Amino acid sequence: MPKRILTGTVTSDQNEQTVTVLVERRFTHPVMKKTIRKTKKYRAHDAANSFKVGDIVRIQECLPISKTKRWEVLAD
């Protein structure tokens, strides 16, 4: 099965080798037919500490690195 790749915005880079990425998804409500925005935060591994708050990044699923990190930042 291919690994998922998501695009989001870095909201925190305070931890060593870790960034918090806010990913937004949009979909149409099945009954109300209104566009809804849902957001979710992912903690991703950033080995080089190269990304700062506000950067747009792509993250990819990976094996668990720690208790909360299951994603890694793709270097573009």
C-alpha atoms as a PDB file:
ATOM      1  CA  MET A   1       0.000   0.000   0.000  1.00  0.00           C
ATOM      2  CA  PRO A   2       1.446   3.415  -0.895  1.00  0.00           C
ATOM      3  CA  LYS A   3       2.334   5.874   1.830  1.00  0.00           C
ATOM      4  CA  ARG A   4       0.037   8.866   2.216  1.00  0.00           C
ATOM      5  CA  ILE A   5       1.425  12.321   1.472  1.00  0.00           C
ATOM      6  CA  LEU A   6      -0.259  15.395   2.975  1.00  0.00           C
ATOM      7  CA  THR A   7       0.404  19.123   2.611  1.00  0.00           C
ATOM      8  CA  GLY A   8       0.168  21.513   5.542  1.00  0.00           C
ATOM      9  CA  THR A   9       1.564  24.499   7.404  1.00  0.00           C
ATOM     10  CA  VAL A  10       4.167  24.311  10.177  1.00  0.00           C
ATOM     11  CA  THR A  11       2.639  25.671  13.398  1.00  0.00           C
ATOM     12  CA  SER A  12       5.445  24.819  15.845  1.00  0.00           C
ATOM     13  CA  ASP A  13       9.161  24.055  15.594  1.00  0.00           C
ATOM     14  CA  GLN A  14      10.168  24.318  19.266  1.00  0.00           C
ATOM     15  CA  ASN A  15      11.085  20.655  19.738  1.00  0.00           C
ATOM     16  CA  GLU A  16      14.364  19.217  18.483  1.00  0.00           C
ATOM     17  CA  GLN A  17      13.954  17.405  15.121  1.00  0.00           C
ATOM     18  CA  THR A  18      10.160  17.746  15.290  1.00  0.00           C
ATOM     19  CA  VAL A  19       7.640  20.067  13.664  1.00  0.00           C
ATOM     20  CA  THR A  20       3.908  20.267  14.197  1.00  0.00           C
ATOM     21  CA  VAL A  21       2.024  20.481  10.905  1.00  0.00           C
ATOM     22  CA  LEU A  22      -1.574  21.665  10.553  1.00  0.00           C
ATOM     23  CA  VAL A  23      -3.339  19.896   7.663  1.00  0.00           C
ATOM     24  CA  GLU A  24      -6.668  21.196   6.393  1.00  0.00           C
ATOM     25  CA  ARG A  25      -9.134  19.142   4.390  1.00  0.00           C
ATOM     26  CA  ARG A  26     -12.265  20.428   2.690  1.00  0.00           C
ATOM     27  CA  PHE A  27     -15.351  18.458   1.818  1.00  0.00           C
ATOM     28  CA  THR A  28     -19.011  19.017   1.054  1.00  0.00           C
ATOM     29  CA  HIS A  29     -21.504  18.161   3.779  1.00  0.00           C
ATOM     30  CA  PRO A  30     -23.703  15.302   2.520  1.00  0.00           C
ATOM     31  CA  VAL A  31     -27.013  16.886   3.620  1.00  0.00           C
ATOM     32  CA  MET A  32     -26.399  20.630   3.867  1.00  0.00           C
ATOM     33  CA  LYS A  33     -24.235  20.793   0.693  1.00  0.00           C
ATOM     34  CA  LYS A  34     -21.997  23.314   2.404  1.00  0.00           C
ATOM     35  CA  THR A  35     -18.200  23.215   2.144  1.00  0.00           C
ATOM     36  CA  ILE A  36     -16.689  22.312   5.505  1.00  0.00           C
ATOM     37  CA  ARG A  37     -13.052  22.813   6.581  1.00  0.00           C
ATOM     38  CA  LYS A  38     -11.591  20.345   9.066  1.00  0.00           C
ATOM     39  CA  THR A  39      -8.075  20.594  10.441  1.00  0.00           C
ATOM     40  CA  LYS A  40      -5.807  18.113  12.138  1.00  0.00           C
ATOM     41  CA  LYS A  41      -2.322  18.433  13.604  1.00  0.00           C
ATOM     42  CA  TYR A  42       0.428  15.941  12.884  1.00  0.00           C
ATOM     43  CA  ARG A  43       3.865  15.768  14.489  1.00  0.00           C
ATOM     44  CA  ALA A  44       6.508  15.101  11.853  1.00  0.00           C
ATOM     45  CA  HIS A  45      10.214  14.278  11.960  1.00  0.00           C
ATOM     46  CA  ASP A  46      12.499  17.043  10.667  1.00  0.00           C
ATOM     47  CA  ALA A  47      16.038  15.680  11.018  1.00  0.00           C
ATOM     48  CA  ALA A  48      17.800  18.854   9.847  1.00  0.00           C
ATOM     49  CA  ASN A  49      15.650  21.348  11.812  1.00  0.00           C
ATOM     50  CA  SER A  50      15.302  23.250   8.532  1.00  0.00           C
ATOM     51  CA  PHE A  51      11.607  24.201   8.633  1.00  0.00           C
ATOM     52  CA  LYS A  52      10.224  27.172  10.543  1.00  0.00           C
ATOM     53  CA  VAL A  53       6.743  28.338  11.573  1.00  0.00           C
ATOM     54  CA  GLY A  54       4.638  29.332   8.572  1.00  0.00           C
ATOM     55  CA  ASP A  55       6.420  27.119   6.020  1.00  0.00           C
ATOM     56  CA  ILE A  56       4.290  25.004   3.673  1.00  0.00           C
ATOM     57  CA  VAL A  57       5.563  21.404   3.852  1.00  0.00           C
ATOM     58  CA  ARG A  58       4.675  17.946   2.571  1.00  0.00           C
ATOM     59  CA  ILE A  59       4.671  15.081   5.070  1.00  0.00           C
ATOM     60  CA  GLN A  60       4.711  11.335   4.421  1.00  0.00           C
ATOM     61  CA  GLU A  61       3.761   8.365   6.568  1.00  0.00           C
ATOM     62  CA  CYS A  62       6.620   6.385   8.071  1.00  0.00           C
ATOM     63  CA  LEU A  63       7.356   3.845  10.767  1.00  0.00           C
ATOM     64  CA  PRO A  64       6.850   5.125  14.334  1.00  0.00           C
ATOM     65  CA  ILE A  65       9.802   7.293  15.378  1.00  0.00           C
ATOM     66  CA  SER A  66       8.495   8.094  18.867  1.00  0.00           C
ATOM     67  CA  LYS A  67       5.273   7.925  20.834  1.00  0.00           C
ATOM     68  CA  THR A  68       3.592  10.639  18.764  1.00  0.00           C
ATOM     69  CA  LYS A  69       5.650  10.858  15.543  1.00  0.00           C
ATOM     70  CA  ARG A  70       4.484   8.694  12.635  1.00  0.00           C
ATOM     71  CA  TRP A  71       5.200  11.197   9.830  1.00  0.00           C
ATOM     72  CA  GLU A  72       8.341  12.621   8.251  1.00  0.00           C
ATOM     73  CA  VAL A  73       8.847  15.866   6.338  1.00  0.00           C
ATOM     74  CA  LEU A  74       9.709  15.420   2.667  1.00  0.00           C
ATOM     75  CA  ALA A  75      12.663  17.499   1.500  1.00  0.00           C
ATOM     76  CA  ASP A  76      11.615  19.314  -1.670  1.00  0.00           C
END
